[in-house]
């Protein structure tokens, strides 16, 4: 029988160890590296998703607290409609807005009383008082006037808009609108 000597056994063991190391470095470690890369990419995606979900949850919680706060307040839509039957406050606001924006304002067509004014298409006792405004000034200032008019503390409904260019860069805007009053 042919027995391996201790020296040959060491050589065989070293060769097996070198072959297994070569396989590990050449093949198995590459598989593990690709697996780690995909795991890292997946973890980063999950972190992004988690951050997005946390932001949505925080937004939801803020919205819920805002809704609770608003539910506790008595906010009546009637506050939008004026009881100022002479419309002095509203006219003053429009005139001051014209002065503030350096726009020449001419208000006309405002007449009638709450008893003679047509009823608005609402369920409450709200009437419409029409008026006409002619504005003269630069286009930018007229646009600012209209944008501000849309955000005043009383409701106004703009219609019948007519825009024409004048000399020296001035623009003339003619439009009709309505004041809404509670009877």
C-alpha atoms as a PDB file:
ATOM      1  CA  UNK A   1       0.000   0.000   0.000  1.00  0.00           C
ATOM      2  CA  UNK A   2       1.009   3.337  -0.818  1.00  0.00           C
ATOM      3  CA  UNK A   3       0.690   5.658   2.091  1.00  0.00           C
ATOM      4  CA  UNK A   4       1.018   9.342   1.877  1.00  0.00           C
ATOM      5  CA  UNK A   5       3.775  10.753   3.821  1.00  0.00           C
ATOM      6  CA  UNK A   6       3.165  13.629   6.168  1.00  0.00           C
ATOM      7  CA  UNK A   7       4.941  15.913   3.788  1.00  0.00           C
ATOM      8  CA  UNK A   8       2.631  14.913   0.889  1.00  0.00           C
ATOM      9  CA  UNK A   9      -0.417  15.348   3.102  1.00  0.00           C
ATOM     10  CA  UNK A  10       0.682  18.883   3.890  1.00  0.00           C
ATOM     11  CA  UNK A  11       1.158  19.591   0.181  1.00  0.00           C
ATOM     12  CA  UNK A  12      -2.280  18.189  -0.656  1.00  0.00           C
ATOM     13  CA  UNK A  13      -3.899  20.159   2.175  1.00  0.00           C
ATOM     14  CA  UNK A  14      -2.135  23.353   1.043  1.00  0.00           C
ATOM     15  CA  UNK A  15      -3.249  22.747  -2.559  1.00  0.00           C
ATOM     16  CA  UNK A  16      -6.862  22.168  -1.464  1.00  0.00           C
ATOM     17  CA  UNK A  17      -6.690  25.310   0.682  1.00  0.00           C
ATOM     18  CA  UNK A  18      -5.250  27.371  -2.228  1.00  0.00           C
ATOM     19  CA  UNK A  19      -7.908  26.043  -4.636  1.00  0.00           C
ATOM     20  CA  UNK A  20     -10.695  26.831  -2.162  1.00  0.00           C
ATOM     21  CA  UNK A  21      -9.252  30.329  -1.574  1.00  0.00           C
ATOM     22  CA  UNK A  22      -9.032  30.856  -5.328  1.00  0.00           C
ATOM     23  CA  UNK A  23     -12.666  29.795  -5.735  1.00  0.00           C
ATOM     24  CA  UNK A  24     -13.755  32.059  -2.881  1.00  0.00           C
ATOM     25  CA  UNK A  25     -11.940  35.135  -4.222  1.00  0.00           C
ATOM     26  CA  UNK A  26     -12.695  34.406  -7.855  1.00  0.00           C
ATOM     27  CA  UNK A  27     -16.321  33.358  -7.646  1.00  0.00           C
ATOM     28  CA  UNK A  28     -18.124  33.325  -4.289  1.00  0.00           C
ATOM     29  CA  UNK A  29     -16.968  36.743  -3.036  1.00  0.00           C
ATOM     30  CA  UNK A  30     -18.210  38.357  -6.285  1.00  0.00           C
ATOM     31  CA  UNK A  31     -21.618  36.777  -5.761  1.00  0.00           C
ATOM     32  CA  UNK A  32     -21.663  38.051  -2.176  1.00  0.00           C
ATOM     33  CA  UNK A  33     -20.561  41.544  -3.302  1.00  0.00           C
ATOM     34  CA  UNK A  34     -23.429  41.752  -5.841  1.00  0.00           C
ATOM     35  CA  UNK A  35     -25.833  40.560  -3.178  1.00  0.00           C
ATOM     36  CA  UNK A  36     -24.572  43.245  -0.779  1.00  0.00           C
ATOM     37  CA  UNK A  37     -24.891  45.952  -3.438  1.00  0.00           C
ATOM     38  CA  UNK A  38     -28.499  45.026  -4.156  1.00  0.00           C
ATOM     39  CA  UNK A  39     -29.212  44.950  -0.410  1.00  0.00           C
ATOM     40  CA  UNK A  40     -27.682  48.428   0.019  1.00  0.00           C
ATOM     41  CA  UNK A  41     -29.735  49.795  -2.905  1.00  0.00           C
ATOM     42  CA  UNK A  42     -32.885  48.286  -1.431  1.00  0.00           C
ATOM     43  CA  UNK A  43     -32.111  49.729   2.025  1.00  0.00           C
ATOM     44  CA  UNK A  44     -31.558  53.203   0.533  1.00  0.00           C
ATOM     45  CA  UNK A  45     -34.868  52.975  -1.349  1.00  0.00           C
ATOM     46  CA  UNK A  46     -36.641  51.900   1.817  1.00  0.00           C
ATOM     47  CA  UNK A  47     -35.104  54.843   3.696  1.00  0.00           C
ATOM     48  CA  UNK A  48     -36.417  57.223   1.013  1.00  0.00           C
ATOM     49  CA  UNK A  49     -39.847  55.615   1.213  1.00  0.00           C
ATOM     50  CA  UNK A  50     -39.770  55.859   5.012  1.00  0.00           C
ATOM     51  CA  UNK A  51     -38.874  59.566   4.870  1.00  0.00           C
ATOM     52  CA  UNK A  52     -41.692  60.188   2.381  1.00  0.00           C
ATOM     53  CA  UNK A  53     -44.197  58.282   4.511  1.00  0.00           C
ATOM     54  CA  UNK A  54     -43.102  60.152   7.642  1.00  0.00           C
ATOM     55  CA  UNK A  55     -43.555  63.483   5.839  1.00  0.00           C
ATOM     56  CA  UNK A  56     -47.026  62.408   4.697  1.00  0.00           C
ATOM     57  CA  UNK A  57     -47.923  61.290   8.219  1.00  0.00           C
ATOM     58  CA  UNK A  58     -46.731  64.615   9.658  1.00  0.00           C
ATOM     59  CA  UNK A  59     -48.750  66.500   7.045  1.00  0.00           C
ATOM     60  CA  UNK A  60     -51.798  64.377   7.832  1.00  0.00           C
ATOM     61  CA  UNK A  61     -51.414  65.033  11.564  1.00  0.00           C
ATOM     62  CA  UNK A  62     -51.098  68.797  10.981  1.00  0.00           C
ATOM     63  CA  UNK A  63     -54.185  68.721   8.742  1.00  0.00           C
ATOM     64  CA  UNK A  64     -56.107  66.766  11.363  1.00  0.00           C
ATOM     65  CA  UNK A  65     -55.185  69.263  14.092  1.00  0.00           C
ATOM     66  CA  UNK A  66     -56.129  72.168  11.796  1.00  0.00           C
ATOM     67  CA  UNK A  67     -59.504  70.554  11.089  1.00  0.00           C
ATOM     68  CA  UNK A  68     -60.106  70.057  14.822  1.00  0.00           C
ATOM     69  CA  UNK A  69     -59.298  73.716  15.425  1.00  0.00           C
ATOM     70  CA  UNK A  70     -61.605  74.879  12.611  1.00  0.00           C
ATOM     71  CA  UNK A  71     -64.397  72.567  13.751  1.00  0.00           C
ATOM     72  CA  UNK A  72     -64.361  74.310  17.115  1.00  0.00           C
ATOM     73  CA  UNK A  73     -64.738  77.773  15.609  1.00  0.00           C
ATOM     74  CA  UNK A  74     -68.058  79.215  14.558  1.00  0.00           C
ATOM     75  CA  UNK A  75     -67.379  80.575  11.087  1.00  0.00           C
ATOM     76  CA  UNK A  76     -70.467  81.876   9.382  1.00  0.00           C
ATOM     77  CA  UNK A  77     -70.550  82.543   5.632  1.00  0.00           C
ATOM     78  CA  UNK A  78     -72.885  85.460   6.276  1.00  0.00           C
ATOM     79  CA  UNK A  79     -69.854  87.428   7.455  1.00  0.00           C
ATOM     80  CA  UNK A  80     -68.832  87.713   3.806  1.00  0.00           C
ATOM     81  CA  UNK A  81     -71.840  89.839   2.966  1.00  0.00           C
ATOM     82  CA  UNK A  82     -72.083  93.434   4.050  1.00  0.00           C
ATOM     83  CA  UNK A  83     -75.016  95.058   5.851  1.00  0.00           C
ATOM     84  CA  UNK A  84     -73.688  98.480   4.903  1.00  0.00           C
ATOM     85  CA  UNK A  85     -76.618  99.485   2.702  1.00  0.00           C
ATOM     86  CA  UNK A  86     -74.887 102.715   1.669  1.00  0.00           C
ATOM     87  CA  UNK A  87     -71.761 100.786   0.587  1.00  0.00           C
ATOM     88  CA  UNK A  88     -69.578 103.576   1.969  1.00  0.00           C
ATOM     89  CA  UNK A  89     -66.965 101.205   3.369  1.00  0.00           C
ATOM     90  CA  UNK A  90     -66.712  99.207   0.133  1.00  0.00           C
ATOM     91  CA  UNK A  91     -66.456 102.322  -2.038  1.00  0.00           C
ATOM     92  CA  UNK A  92     -63.774 103.728   0.279  1.00  0.00           C
ATOM     93  CA  UNK A  93     -61.818 100.485   0.001  1.00  0.00           C
ATOM     94  CA  UNK A  94     -61.955 100.618  -3.808  1.00  0.00           C
ATOM     95  CA  UNK A  95     -60.929 104.289  -3.915  1.00  0.00           C
ATOM     96  CA  UNK A  96     -58.064 103.722  -1.471  1.00  0.00           C
ATOM     97  CA  UNK A  97     -56.921 100.728  -3.494  1.00  0.00           C
ATOM     98  CA  UNK A  98     -56.841 102.898  -6.623  1.00  0.00           C
ATOM     99  CA  UNK A  99     -54.801 105.564  -4.823  1.00  0.00           C
ATOM    100  CA  UNK A 100     -52.485 102.969  -3.296  1.00  0.00           C
ATOM    101  CA  UNK A 101     -51.729 101.387  -6.675  1.00  0.00           C
ATOM    102  CA  UNK A 102     -51.542 104.759  -8.485  1.00  0.00           C
ATOM    103  CA  UNK A 103     -54.447 103.910 -10.778  1.00  0.00           C
ATOM    104  CA  UNK A 104     -57.092 106.423 -11.828  1.00  0.00           C
ATOM    105  CA  UNK A 105     -60.427 104.962 -10.751  1.00  0.00           C
ATOM    106  CA  UNK A 106     -63.880 106.061 -11.883  1.00  0.00           C
ATOM    107  CA  UNK A 107     -66.824 104.345 -10.216  1.00  0.00           C
ATOM    108  CA  UNK A 108     -70.250 104.609 -11.849  1.00  0.00           C
ATOM    109  CA  UNK A 109     -73.558 102.832 -12.268  1.00  0.00           C
ATOM    110  CA  UNK A 110     -74.048 102.359  -8.552  1.00  0.00           C
ATOM    111  CA  UNK A 111     -77.662 103.022  -7.708  1.00  0.00           C
ATOM    112  CA  UNK A 112     -80.649 101.535  -5.990  1.00  0.00           C
ATOM    113  CA  UNK A 113     -81.475 100.299  -2.548  1.00  0.00           C
ATOM    114  CA  UNK A 114     -81.580  96.908  -0.939  1.00  0.00           C
ATOM    115  CA  UNK A 115     -85.351  96.935  -1.463  1.00  0.00           C
ATOM    116  CA  UNK A 116     -85.103  97.561  -5.212  1.00  0.00           C
ATOM    117  CA  UNK A 117     -81.920  95.588  -5.925  1.00  0.00           C
ATOM    118  CA  UNK A 118     -82.308  92.192  -7.603  1.00  0.00           C
ATOM    119  CA  UNK A 119     -82.113  89.141  -5.365  1.00  0.00           C
ATOM    120  CA  UNK A 120     -79.004  86.969  -5.714  1.00  0.00           C
ATOM    121  CA  UNK A 121     -79.417  83.319  -6.648  1.00  0.00           C
ATOM    122  CA  UNK A 122     -78.995  82.171  -3.060  1.00  0.00           C
ATOM    123  CA  UNK A 123     -81.216  80.759  -0.367  1.00  0.00           C
ATOM    124  CA  UNK A 124     -80.593  83.661   1.985  1.00  0.00           C
ATOM    125  CA  UNK A 125     -81.748  87.268   1.796  1.00  0.00           C
ATOM    126  CA  UNK A 126     -78.848  88.551  -0.297  1.00  0.00           C
ATOM    127  CA  UNK A 127     -79.210  91.170  -3.018  1.00  0.00           C
ATOM    128  CA  UNK A 128     -76.937  92.280  -5.848  1.00  0.00           C
ATOM    129  CA  UNK A 129     -75.936  95.906  -6.362  1.00  0.00           C
ATOM    130  CA  UNK A 130     -74.146  96.271  -9.717  1.00  0.00           C
ATOM    131  CA  UNK A 131     -71.486  98.877 -10.416  1.00  0.00           C
ATOM    132  CA  UNK A 132     -69.046  99.831 -13.164  1.00  0.00           C
ATOM    133  CA  UNK A 133     -65.368 100.739 -12.784  1.00  0.00           C
ATOM    134  CA  UNK A 134     -63.040 102.377 -15.279  1.00  0.00           C
ATOM    135  CA  UNK A 135     -59.343 102.105 -14.442  1.00  0.00           C
ATOM    136  CA  UNK A 136     -56.494 103.973 -16.141  1.00  0.00           C
ATOM    137  CA  UNK A 137     -52.832 103.272 -15.485  1.00  0.00           C
ATOM    138  CA  UNK A 138     -50.015 100.935 -16.356  1.00  0.00           C
ATOM    139  CA  UNK A 139     -50.920  97.365 -17.228  1.00  0.00           C
ATOM    140  CA  UNK A 140     -49.004  95.958 -14.237  1.00  0.00           C
ATOM    141  CA  UNK A 141     -50.814  98.235 -11.781  1.00  0.00           C
ATOM    142  CA  UNK A 142     -54.203  97.393 -13.266  1.00  0.00           C
ATOM    143  CA  UNK A 143     -53.418  93.685 -12.947  1.00  0.00           C
ATOM    144  CA  UNK A 144     -52.399  94.313  -9.310  1.00  0.00           C
ATOM    145  CA  UNK A 145     -55.711  96.122  -8.755  1.00  0.00           C
ATOM    146  CA  UNK A 146     -57.741  93.185 -10.130  1.00  0.00           C
ATOM    147  CA  UNK A 147     -55.738  90.643  -8.118  1.00  0.00           C
ATOM    148  CA  UNK A 148     -56.205  92.675  -4.947  1.00  0.00           C
ATOM    149  CA  UNK A 149     -59.904  93.184  -5.724  1.00  0.00           C
ATOM    150  CA  UNK A 150     -60.352  89.412  -5.839  1.00  0.00           C
ATOM    151  CA  UNK A 151     -58.967  89.102  -2.293  1.00  0.00           C
ATOM    152  CA  UNK A 152     -60.790  91.882  -0.476  1.00  0.00           C
ATOM    153  CA  UNK A 153     -62.873  91.256   2.650  1.00  0.00           C
ATOM    154  CA  UNK A 154     -66.113  91.606   0.694  1.00  0.00           C
ATOM    155  CA  UNK A 155     -67.267  89.505  -2.210  1.00  0.00           C
ATOM    156  CA  UNK A 156     -67.235  91.037  -5.652  1.00  0.00           C
ATOM    157  CA  UNK A 157     -67.961  89.308  -8.935  1.00  0.00           C
ATOM    158  CA  UNK A 158     -66.122  90.745 -11.951  1.00  0.00           C
ATOM    159  CA  UNK A 159     -67.710  90.490 -15.386  1.00  0.00           C
ATOM    160  CA  UNK A 160     -67.931  92.381 -18.673  1.00  0.00           C
ATOM    161  CA  UNK A 161     -64.227  93.169 -18.929  1.00  0.00           C
ATOM    162  CA  UNK A 162     -62.964  95.520 -21.658  1.00  0.00           C
ATOM    163  CA  UNK A 163     -59.283  96.444 -22.028  1.00  0.00           C
ATOM    164  CA  UNK A 164     -57.837  99.055 -24.378  1.00  0.00           C
ATOM    165  CA  UNK A 165     -54.368 100.549 -24.826  1.00  0.00           C
ATOM    166  CA  UNK A 166     -53.849 104.275 -24.580  1.00  0.00           C
ATOM    167  CA  UNK A 167     -50.975 106.619 -25.294  1.00  0.00           C
ATOM    168  CA  UNK A 168     -47.803 106.699 -23.202  1.00  0.00           C
ATOM    169  CA  UNK A 169     -48.087 103.088 -22.042  1.00  0.00           C
ATOM    170  CA  UNK A 170     -51.359 103.575 -20.220  1.00  0.00           C
ATOM    171  CA  UNK A 171     -54.136 101.044 -20.360  1.00  0.00           C
ATOM    172  CA  UNK A 172     -57.846 101.561 -19.776  1.00  0.00           C
ATOM    173  CA  UNK A 173     -59.862  98.779 -18.202  1.00  0.00           C
ATOM    174  CA  UNK A 174     -63.630  98.943 -18.042  1.00  0.00           C
ATOM    175  CA  UNK A 175     -65.511  96.254 -16.130  1.00  0.00           C
ATOM    176  CA  UNK A 176     -68.749  95.620 -14.335  1.00  0.00           C
ATOM    177  CA  UNK A 177     -69.074  93.952 -10.984  1.00  0.00           C
ATOM    178  CA  UNK A 178     -71.525  93.356  -8.164  1.00  0.00           C
ATOM    179  CA  UNK A 179     -71.648  94.112  -4.474  1.00  0.00           C
ATOM    180  CA  UNK A 180     -73.525  91.525  -2.426  1.00  0.00           C
ATOM    181  CA  UNK A 181     -75.578  92.808   0.497  1.00  0.00           C
ATOM    182  CA  UNK A 182     -77.683  91.123   3.152  1.00  0.00           C
ATOM    183  CA  UNK A 183     -81.113  92.628   3.550  1.00  0.00           C
END
